[in-house]
PDB file of N, CA and C in Angstrom:
ATOM      1  N   UNK A   1       1.029  -1.212  -0.174  1.00  0.00           N
ATOM      2  CA  UNK A   1       0.250   0.001   0.371  1.00  0.00           C
ATOM      3  C   UNK A   1       0.904   1.144  -0.062  1.00  0.00           C
ATOM      4  N   UNK A   2       0.937   2.331  -1.129  1.00  0.00           N
ATOM      5  CA  UNK A   2       1.323   3.273  -1.145  1.00  0.00           C
ATOM      6  C   UNK A   2       0.875   4.525  -1.643  1.00  0.00           C
ATOM      7  N   UNK A   3       0.052   4.835  -0.653  1.00  0.00           N
ATOM      8  CA  UNK A   3      -1.080   6.071  -1.274  1.00  0.00           C
ATOM      9  C   UNK A   3      -0.141   7.568  -0.934  1.00  0.00           C
ATOM     10  N   UNK A   4      -0.737   8.265  -1.825  1.00  0.00           N
ATOM     11  CA  UNK A   4      -0.005   9.739  -2.224  1.00  0.00           C
ATOM     12  C   UNK A   4       0.060   9.907  -0.498  1.00  0.00           C
ATOM     13  N   UNK A   5       1.240  10.975  -0.462  1.00  0.00           N
ATOM     14  CA  UNK A   5       1.821  11.505   0.743  1.00  0.00           C
ATOM     15  C   UNK A   5       0.679  12.547   1.314  1.00  0.00           C
ATOM     16  N   UNK A   6       0.506  13.241   0.719  1.00  0.00           N
ATOM     17  CA  UNK A   6      -0.626  14.213   0.542  1.00  0.00           C
ATOM     18  C   UNK A   6      -1.966  14.007   1.165  1.00  0.00           C
ATOM     19  N   UNK A   7      -2.287  12.849   1.279  1.00  0.00           N
ATOM     20  CA  UNK A   7      -3.993  11.921   1.589  1.00  0.00           C
ATOM     21  C   UNK A   7      -3.550  11.390   2.846  1.00  0.00           C
ATOM     22  N   UNK A   8      -2.076  11.106   3.458  1.00  0.00           N
ATOM     23  CA  UNK A   8      -2.028  10.724   4.947  1.00  0.00           C
ATOM     24  C   UNK A   8      -1.443  11.860   5.797  1.00  0.00           C
ATOM     25  N   UNK A   9      -1.996  11.920   7.150  1.00  0.00           N
ATOM     26  CA  UNK A   9      -1.712  13.005   8.070  1.00  0.00           C
ATOM     27  C   UNK A   9      -0.337  13.082   8.123  1.00  0.00           C
ATOM     28  N   UNK A  10       0.874  13.764   8.690  1.00  0.00           N
ATOM     29  CA  UNK A  10       2.052  13.820   8.449  1.00  0.00           C
ATOM     30  C   UNK A  10       2.735  12.647   9.491  1.00  0.00           C
ATOM     31  N   UNK A  11       2.062  12.362  10.874  1.00  0.00           N
ATOM     32  CA  UNK A  11       2.496  11.545  11.548  1.00  0.00           C
ATOM     33  C   UNK A  11       2.420  10.021  11.686  1.00  0.00           C
ATOM     34  N   UNK A  12       1.841  10.007  10.203  1.00  0.00           N
ATOM     35  CA  UNK A  12       1.364   8.533   9.844  1.00  0.00           C
ATOM     36  C   UNK A  12       2.380   8.302   8.396  1.00  0.00           C
ATOM     37  N   UNK A  13       2.684   9.402   8.003  1.00  0.00           N
ATOM     38  CA  UNK A  13       3.664   8.872   6.570  1.00  0.00           C
ATOM     39  C   UNK A  13       4.760   8.318   6.887  1.00  0.00           C
ATOM     40  N   UNK A  14       5.273   7.380   6.124  1.00  0.00           N
ATOM     41  CA  UNK A  14       6.491   6.938   6.253  1.00  0.00           C
ATOM     42  C   UNK A  14       6.924   6.644   4.896  1.00  0.00           C
ATOM     43  N   UNK A  15       8.546   6.828   4.658  1.00  0.00           N
ATOM     44  CA  UNK A  15       9.106   6.467   3.598  1.00  0.00           C
ATOM     45  C   UNK A  15      10.194   6.171   3.724  1.00  0.00           C
ATOM     46  N   UNK A  16      10.787   4.998   2.446  1.00  0.00           N
ATOM     47  CA  UNK A  16      11.609   4.106   2.305  1.00  0.00           C
ATOM     48  C   UNK A  16      12.858   5.253   2.093  1.00  0.00           C
ATOM     49  N   UNK A  17      13.586   4.982   2.931  1.00  0.00           N
ATOM     50  CA  UNK A  17      15.027   5.668   2.656  1.00  0.00           C
ATOM     51  C   UNK A  17      15.776   4.889   1.489  1.00  0.00           C
ATOM     52  N   UNK A  18      17.021   5.523   0.906  1.00  0.00           N
ATOM     53  CA  UNK A  18      17.708   4.967  -0.296  1.00  0.00           C
ATOM     54  C   UNK A  18      18.453   3.558   0.538  1.00  0.00           C
ATOM     55  N   UNK A  19      18.479   3.882   1.722  1.00  0.00           N
ATOM     56  CA  UNK A  19      19.632   2.578   2.472  1.00  0.00           C
ATOM     57  C   UNK A  19      18.554   1.259   2.658  1.00  0.00           C
ATOM     58  N   UNK A  20      17.255   1.620   2.640  1.00  0.00           N
ATOM     59  CA  UNK A  20      16.129   0.468   3.342  1.00  0.00           C
ATOM     60  C   UNK A  20      15.631   0.536   4.167  1.00  0.00           C
ATOM     61  N   UNK A  21      15.757   1.608   5.376  1.00  0.00           N
ATOM     62  CA  UNK A  21      15.266   1.742   6.581  1.00  0.00           C
ATOM     63  C   UNK A  21      13.925   3.052   5.779  1.00  0.00           C
ATOM     64  N   UNK A  22      13.073   2.874   6.784  1.00  0.00           N
ATOM     65  CA  UNK A  22      11.905   3.684   6.666  1.00  0.00           C
ATOM     66  C   UNK A  22      11.697   4.446   7.819  1.00  0.00           C
ATOM     67  N   UNK A  23      11.215   5.962   7.616  1.00  0.00           N
ATOM     68  CA  UNK A  23      11.105   6.941   8.496  1.00  0.00           C
ATOM     69  C   UNK A  23       9.835   7.602   8.194  1.00  0.00           C
ATOM     70  N   UNK A  24       9.563   8.233   9.247  1.00  0.00           N
ATOM     71  CA  UNK A  24       8.572   9.121   9.142  1.00  0.00           C
ATOM     72  C   UNK A  24       8.680  10.240   8.466  1.00  0.00           C
ATOM     73  N   UNK A  25       7.732  10.955   7.241  1.00  0.00           N
ATOM     74  CA  UNK A  25       8.028  11.835   6.357  1.00  0.00           C
ATOM     75  C   UNK A  25       7.162  12.656   6.970  1.00  0.00           C
ATOM     76  N   UNK A  26       7.701  13.843   7.420  1.00  0.00           N
ATOM     77  CA  UNK A  26       6.842  14.933   8.146  1.00  0.00           C
ATOM     78  C   UNK A  26       6.930  16.148   7.499  1.00  0.00           C
ATOM     79  N   UNK A  27       7.005  16.057   5.847  1.00  0.00           N
ATOM     80  CA  UNK A  27       7.464  17.451   5.147  1.00  0.00           C
ATOM     81  C   UNK A  27       5.931  17.739   4.762  1.00  0.00           C
ATOM     82  N   UNK A  28       5.862  19.223   5.272  1.00  0.00           N
ATOM     83  CA  UNK A  28       4.628  19.929   4.776  1.00  0.00           C
ATOM     84  C   UNK A  28       4.814  21.081   4.002  1.00  0.00           C
ATOM     85  N   UNK A  29       3.981  20.993   2.752  1.00  0.00           N
ATOM     86  CA  UNK A  29       2.924  20.177   2.299  1.00  0.00           C
ATOM     87  C   UNK A  29       4.176  19.188   1.482  1.00  0.00           C
ATOM     88  N   UNK A  30       3.289  17.944   1.478  1.00  0.00           N
ATOM     89  CA  UNK A  30       4.200  16.978   0.773  1.00  0.00           C
ATOM     90  C   UNK A  30       3.925  17.222  -1.073  1.00  0.00           C
ATOM     91  N   UNK A  31       5.414  16.889  -1.335  1.00  0.00           N
ATOM     92  CA  UNK A  31       5.129  16.726  -2.756  1.00  0.00           C
ATOM     93  C   UNK A  31       4.148  16.164  -3.528  1.00  0.00           C
ATOM     94  N   UNK A  32       3.203  17.077  -4.447  1.00  0.00           N
ATOM     95  CA  UNK A  32       1.583  16.263  -4.689  1.00  0.00           C
ATOM     96  C   UNK A  32       2.030  14.491  -5.407  1.00  0.00           C
ATOM     97  N   UNK A  33       3.235  14.151  -5.554  1.00  0.00           N
ATOM     98  CA  UNK A  33       3.605  13.018  -6.380  1.00  0.00           C
ATOM     99  C   UNK A  33       3.740  11.891  -5.420  1.00  0.00           C
ATOM    100  N   UNK A  34       4.501  12.431  -4.420  1.00  0.00           N
ATOM    101  CA  UNK A  34       5.396  11.636  -3.055  1.00  0.00           C
ATOM    102  C   UNK A  34       4.142  10.553  -2.615  1.00  0.00           C
ATOM    103  N   UNK A  35       5.263   9.315  -3.027  1.00  0.00           N
ATOM    104  CA  UNK A  35       3.839   7.923  -2.191  1.00  0.00           C
ATOM    105  C   UNK A  35       4.771   7.987  -0.826  1.00  0.00           C
ATOM    106  N   UNK A  36       4.275   7.413  -0.149  1.00  0.00           N
ATOM    107  CA  UNK A  36       4.303   6.496   1.324  1.00  0.00           C
ATOM    108  C   UNK A  36       3.872   5.540   1.756  1.00  0.00           C
ATOM    109  N   UNK A  37       4.394   4.994   2.379  1.00  0.00           N
ATOM    110  CA  UNK A  37       3.736   4.170   3.504  1.00  0.00           C
ATOM    111  C   UNK A  37       3.652   4.103   4.498  1.00  0.00           C
ATOM    112  N   UNK A  38       2.178   3.574   5.006  1.00  0.00           N
ATOM    113  CA  UNK A  38       1.631   3.638   6.189  1.00  0.00           C
ATOM    114  C   UNK A  38       1.766   2.342   7.490  1.00  0.00           C
ATOM    115  N   UNK A  39       1.499   2.604   8.433  1.00  0.00           N
ATOM    116  CA  UNK A  39       2.206   1.047   9.152  1.00  0.00           C
ATOM    117  C   UNK A  39       1.086   0.217   9.199  1.00  0.00           C
ATOM    118  N   UNK A  40       1.157  -1.084   9.510  1.00  0.00           N
ATOM    119  CA  UNK A  40       0.567  -2.119   9.326  1.00  0.00           C
ATOM    120  C   UNK A  40      -1.266  -1.867   9.910  1.00  0.00           C
ATOM    121  N   UNK A  41      -0.694  -1.553  11.129  1.00  0.00           N
ATOM    122  CA  UNK A  41      -1.866  -1.363  11.966  1.00  0.00           C
ATOM    123  C   UNK A  41      -3.336  -0.268  11.543  1.00  0.00           C
ATOM    124  N   UNK A  42      -2.661   0.199  10.790  1.00  0.00           N
ATOM    125  CA  UNK A  42      -3.454   1.552  10.134  1.00  0.00           C
ATOM    126  C   UNK A  42      -4.436   0.627   8.833  1.00  0.00           C
ATOM    127  N   UNK A  43      -4.115  -0.347   8.366  1.00  0.00           N
ATOM    128  CA  UNK A  43      -4.535  -1.081   7.271  1.00  0.00           C
ATOM    129  C   UNK A  43      -5.270  -2.587   7.761  1.00  0.00           C
ATOM    130  N   UNK A  44      -4.623  -2.980   8.626  1.00  0.00           N
ATOM    131  CA  UNK A  44      -5.197  -3.977   9.170  1.00  0.00           C
ATOM    132  C   UNK A  44      -6.486  -4.443   9.360  1.00  0.00           C
ATOM    133  N   UNK A  45      -7.763  -5.101   9.284  1.00  0.00           N
ATOM    134  CA  UNK A  45      -8.932  -4.906   9.732  1.00  0.00           C
ATOM    135  C   UNK A  45      -9.000  -5.422  10.977  1.00  0.00           C
ATOM    136  N   UNK A  46      -8.298  -6.073  11.441  1.00  0.00           N
ATOM    137  CA  UNK A  46      -8.251  -6.703  12.855  1.00  0.00           C
ATOM    138  C   UNK A  46      -8.422  -5.679  14.038  1.00  0.00           C
ATOM    139  N   UNK A  47      -7.458  -4.598  13.538  1.00  0.00           N
ATOM    140  CA  UNK A  47      -7.066  -3.524  14.641  1.00  0.00           C
ATOM    141  C   UNK A  47      -8.606  -2.294  14.628  1.00  0.00           C
ATOM    142  N   UNK A  48      -8.634  -2.238  16.060  1.00  0.00           N
ATOM    143  CA  UNK A  48     -10.148  -1.511  16.179  1.00  0.00           C
ATOM    144  C   UNK A  48      -9.436   0.186  15.841  1.00  0.00           C
ATOM    145  N   UNK A  49      -9.736   0.772  15.183  1.00  0.00           N
ATOM    146  CA  UNK A  49      -9.751   2.154  14.414  1.00  0.00           C
ATOM    147  C   UNK A  49     -10.954   3.009  14.329  1.00  0.00           C
ATOM    148  N   UNK A  50     -10.740   4.332  14.726  1.00  0.00           N
ATOM    149  CA  UNK A  50     -11.802   5.195  14.356  1.00  0.00           C
ATOM    150  C   UNK A  50     -11.897   5.424  12.507  1.00  0.00           C
ATOM    151  N   UNK A  51     -12.911   5.848  11.941  1.00  0.00           N
ATOM    152  CA  UNK A  51     -12.910   6.173  10.433  1.00  0.00           C
ATOM    153  C   UNK A  51     -11.902   7.619  10.477  1.00  0.00           C
ATOM    154  N   UNK A  52     -10.834   6.961  10.034  1.00  0.00           N
ATOM    155  CA  UNK A  52      -9.856   8.037   9.674  1.00  0.00           C
ATOM    156  C   UNK A  52      -9.870   9.052   8.537  1.00  0.00           C
ATOM    157  N   UNK A  53      -9.694   7.727   7.397  1.00  0.00           N
ATOM    158  CA  UNK A  53     -10.068   8.758   6.105  1.00  0.00           C
ATOM    159  C   UNK A  53     -10.636   7.734   5.398  1.00  0.00           C
ATOM    160  N   UNK A  54     -11.772   7.806   4.336  1.00  0.00           N
ATOM    161  CA  UNK A  54     -12.501   7.311   3.959  1.00  0.00           C
ATOM    162  C   UNK A  54     -11.819   5.909   2.889  1.00  0.00           C
ATOM    163  N   UNK A  55     -10.348   6.313   2.294  1.00  0.00           N
ATOM    164  CA  UNK A  55      -9.899   5.431   1.278  1.00  0.00           C
ATOM    165  C   UNK A  55      -9.136   4.603   2.428  1.00  0.00           C
ATOM    166  N   UNK A  56      -8.547   4.598   3.587  1.00  0.00           N
ATOM    167  CA  UNK A  56      -8.321   4.098   4.461  1.00  0.00           C
ATOM    168  C   UNK A  56      -9.548   2.666   4.718  1.00  0.00           C
ATOM    169  N   UNK A  57     -10.476   3.412   5.141  1.00  0.00           N
ATOM    170  CA  UNK A  57     -11.391   2.683   5.774  1.00  0.00           C
ATOM    171  C   UNK A  57     -12.265   1.476   4.865  1.00  0.00           C
ATOM    172  N   UNK A  58     -11.886   1.729   3.213  1.00  0.00           N
ATOM    173  CA  UNK A  58     -12.334   1.159   2.269  1.00  0.00           C
ATOM    174  C   UNK A  58     -11.044   0.284   1.997  1.00  0.00           C
ATOM    175  N   UNK A  59      -9.684   0.513   2.118  1.00  0.00           N
ATOM    176  CA  UNK A  59      -8.993  -0.488   2.449  1.00  0.00           C
ATOM    177  C   UNK A  59      -8.885  -1.742   3.398  1.00  0.00           C
ATOM    178  N   UNK A  60      -9.553  -1.248   4.610  1.00  0.00           N
ATOM    179  CA  UNK A  60      -9.386  -2.148   5.814  1.00  0.00           C
ATOM    180  C   UNK A  60     -10.883  -3.282   5.480  1.00  0.00           C
ATOM    181  N   UNK A  61     -11.772  -2.652   4.784  1.00  0.00           N
ATOM    182  CA  UNK A  61     -13.195  -3.468   4.265  1.00  0.00           C
ATOM    183  C   UNK A  61     -12.597  -4.770   3.374  1.00  0.00           C
ATOM    184  N   UNK A  62     -11.930  -3.793   2.345  1.00  0.00           N
ATOM    185  CA  UNK A  62     -11.522  -4.944   1.400  1.00  0.00           C
ATOM    186  C   UNK A  62     -10.518  -5.909   2.079  1.00  0.00           C
ATOM    187  N   UNK A  63      -9.819  -6.000   3.023  1.00  0.00           N
ATOM    188  CA  UNK A  63      -8.600  -6.598   3.213  1.00  0.00           C
ATOM    189  C   UNK A  63      -9.352  -7.397   4.148  1.00  0.00           C
ATOM    190  N   UNK A  64     -10.501  -7.080   4.730  1.00  0.00           N
ATOM    191  CA  UNK A  64     -11.188  -7.893   5.792  1.00  0.00           C
ATOM    192  C   UNK A  64     -11.969  -8.742   4.831  1.00  0.00           C
ATOM    193  N   UNK A  65     -12.494  -8.756   3.612  1.00  0.00           N
ATOM    194  CA  UNK A  65     -13.237  -9.657   2.542  1.00  0.00           C
ATOM    195  C   UNK A  65     -12.074 -10.663   2.540  1.00  0.00           C
ATOM    196  N   UNK A  66     -11.027  -9.808   1.925  1.00  0.00           N
ATOM    197  CA  UNK A  66      -9.712 -11.080   1.367  1.00  0.00           C
ATOM    198  C   UNK A  66      -9.493 -12.179   2.226  1.00  0.00           C
ATOM    199  N   UNK A  67      -9.103 -11.419   3.655  1.00  0.00           N
ATOM    200  CA  UNK A  67      -8.787 -12.388   4.651  1.00  0.00           C
ATOM    201  C   UNK A  67     -10.022 -13.571   4.945  1.00  0.00           C
ATOM    202  N   UNK A  68     -11.016 -12.862   4.878  1.00  0.00           N
ATOM    203  CA  UNK A  68     -12.469 -14.136   5.042  1.00  0.00           C
ATOM    204  C   UNK A  68     -12.201 -15.268   4.037  1.00  0.00           C
ATOM    205  N   UNK A  69     -12.106 -14.403   2.700  1.00  0.00           N
ATOM    206  CA  UNK A  69     -12.304 -15.412   1.213  1.00  0.00           C
ATOM    207  C   UNK A  69     -10.795 -16.360   1.800  1.00  0.00           C
ATOM    208  N   UNK A  70     -10.135 -16.092   2.176  1.00  0.00           N
ATOM    209  CA  UNK A  70      -8.953 -17.311   2.754  1.00  0.00           C
ATOM    210  C   UNK A  70      -9.065 -18.242   3.678  1.00  0.00           C
ATOM    211  N   UNK A  71      -9.632 -17.605   4.411  1.00  0.00           N
ATOM    212  CA  UNK A  71     -10.344 -18.329   5.820  1.00  0.00           C
ATOM    213  C   UNK A  71     -11.656 -19.608   5.029  1.00  0.00           C
ATOM    214  N   UNK A  72     -12.228 -19.338   4.500  1.00  0.00           N
ATOM    215  CA  UNK A  72     -13.628 -20.061   4.145  1.00  0.00           C
ATOM    216  C   UNK A  72     -12.815 -21.083   2.776  1.00  0.00           C
ATOM    217  N   UNK A  73     -13.315 -22.256   3.170  1.00  0.00           N
ATOM    218  CA  UNK A  73     -13.037 -23.085   1.806  1.00  0.00           C
ATOM    219  C   UNK A  73     -13.879 -22.780   0.461  1.00  0.00           C
ATOM    220  N   UNK A  74     -13.299 -22.983  -0.674  1.00  0.00           N
ATOM    221  CA  UNK A  74     -13.838 -23.165  -1.598  1.00  0.00           C
ATOM    222  C   UNK A  74     -15.350 -23.518  -1.736  1.00  0.00           C
ATOM    223  N   UNK A  75     -16.452 -22.891  -2.322  1.00  0.00           N
ATOM    224  CA  UNK A  75     -17.714 -23.693  -2.196  1.00  0.00           C
ATOM    225  C   UNK A  75     -17.708 -24.924  -3.303  1.00  0.00           C
ATOM    226  N   UNK A  76     -18.372 -25.804  -2.944  1.00  0.00           N
ATOM    227  CA  UNK A  76     -18.384 -26.992  -3.576  1.00  0.00           C
ATOM    228  C   UNK A  76     -18.735 -26.930  -5.071  1.00  0.00           C
ATOM    229  N   UNK A  77     -18.380 -27.610  -5.951  1.00  0.00           N
ATOM    230  CA  UNK A  77     -18.890 -27.216  -7.699  1.00  0.00           C
ATOM    231  C   UNK A  77     -20.456 -27.578  -7.769  1.00  0.00           C
ATOM    232  N   UNK A  78     -20.988 -27.409  -8.309  1.00  0.00           N
ATOM    233  CA  UNK A  78     -22.206 -27.400  -9.034  1.00  0.00           C
ATOM    234  C   UNK A  78     -22.822 -28.868  -9.126  1.00  0.00           C
ATOM    235  N   UNK A  79     -23.826 -29.539  -8.688  1.00  0.00           N
ATOM    236  CA  UNK A  79     -23.796 -30.844  -9.300  1.00  0.00           C
ATOM    237  C   UNK A  79     -23.686 -31.466 -10.817  1.00  0.00           C
ATOM    238  N   UNK A  80     -23.658 -32.050 -11.248  1.00  0.00           N
ATOM    239  CA  UNK A  80     -23.744 -32.456 -12.704  1.00  0.00           C
ATOM    240  C   UNK A  80     -25.067 -32.392 -12.979  1.00  0.00           C
ATOM    241  N   UNK A  81     -25.271 -32.010 -13.933  1.00  0.00           N
ATOM    242  CA  UNK A  81     -26.859 -31.871 -14.448  1.00  0.00           C
ATOM    243  C   UNK A  81     -26.995 -33.293 -15.615  1.00  0.00           C
ATOM    244  N   UNK A  82     -27.811 -34.225 -15.197  1.00  0.00           N
ATOM    245  CA  UNK A  82     -27.924 -35.231 -16.324  1.00  0.00           C
ATOM    246  C   UNK A  82     -28.925 -35.000 -16.790  1.00  0.00           C
ATOM    247  N   UNK A  83     -29.388 -35.171 -18.033  1.00  0.00           N
ATOM    248  CA  UNK A  83     -30.589 -35.337 -18.580  1.00  0.00           C
ATOM    249  C   UNK A  83     -31.615 -36.044 -18.407  1.00  0.00           C
ATOM    250  N   UNK A  84     -32.837 -35.940 -18.444  1.00  0.00           N
ATOM    251  CA  UNK A  84     -33.789 -37.070 -18.119  1.00  0.00           C
ATOM    252  C   UNK A  84     -34.002 -37.807 -18.696  1.00  0.00           C
ATOM    253  N   UNK A  85     -33.644 -39.265 -17.992  1.00  0.00           N
ATOM    254  CA  UNK A  85     -33.630 -40.716 -18.834  1.00  0.00           C
ATOM    255  C   UNK A  85     -35.194 -41.427 -18.567  1.00  0.00           C
ATOM    256  N   UNK A  86     -35.728 -40.558 -18.364  1.00  0.00           N
ATOM    257  CA  UNK A  86     -37.051 -41.075 -17.823  1.00  0.00           C
ATOM    258  C   UNK A  86     -38.074 -41.534 -18.745  1.00  0.00           C
TER     259      UNK A  86
END
């Protein structure tokens, strides 16, 4: 998940440095095309959080649906339809 930095409050923006480390990205205002990372806890559907941003709520809902699909077994295939032999 790499949202545009200007859509994320400064205290929640993280950028990856050239050496691979990650740091809080508090530049205000951020470059309009700068991408950032967010903490796992913000996107995880299992963490109780308020509705911080609409896009984040949508992401959390989709993550919850994806996790549910992975936990549920595949539905059984439909029964084969045989012609009426009557």
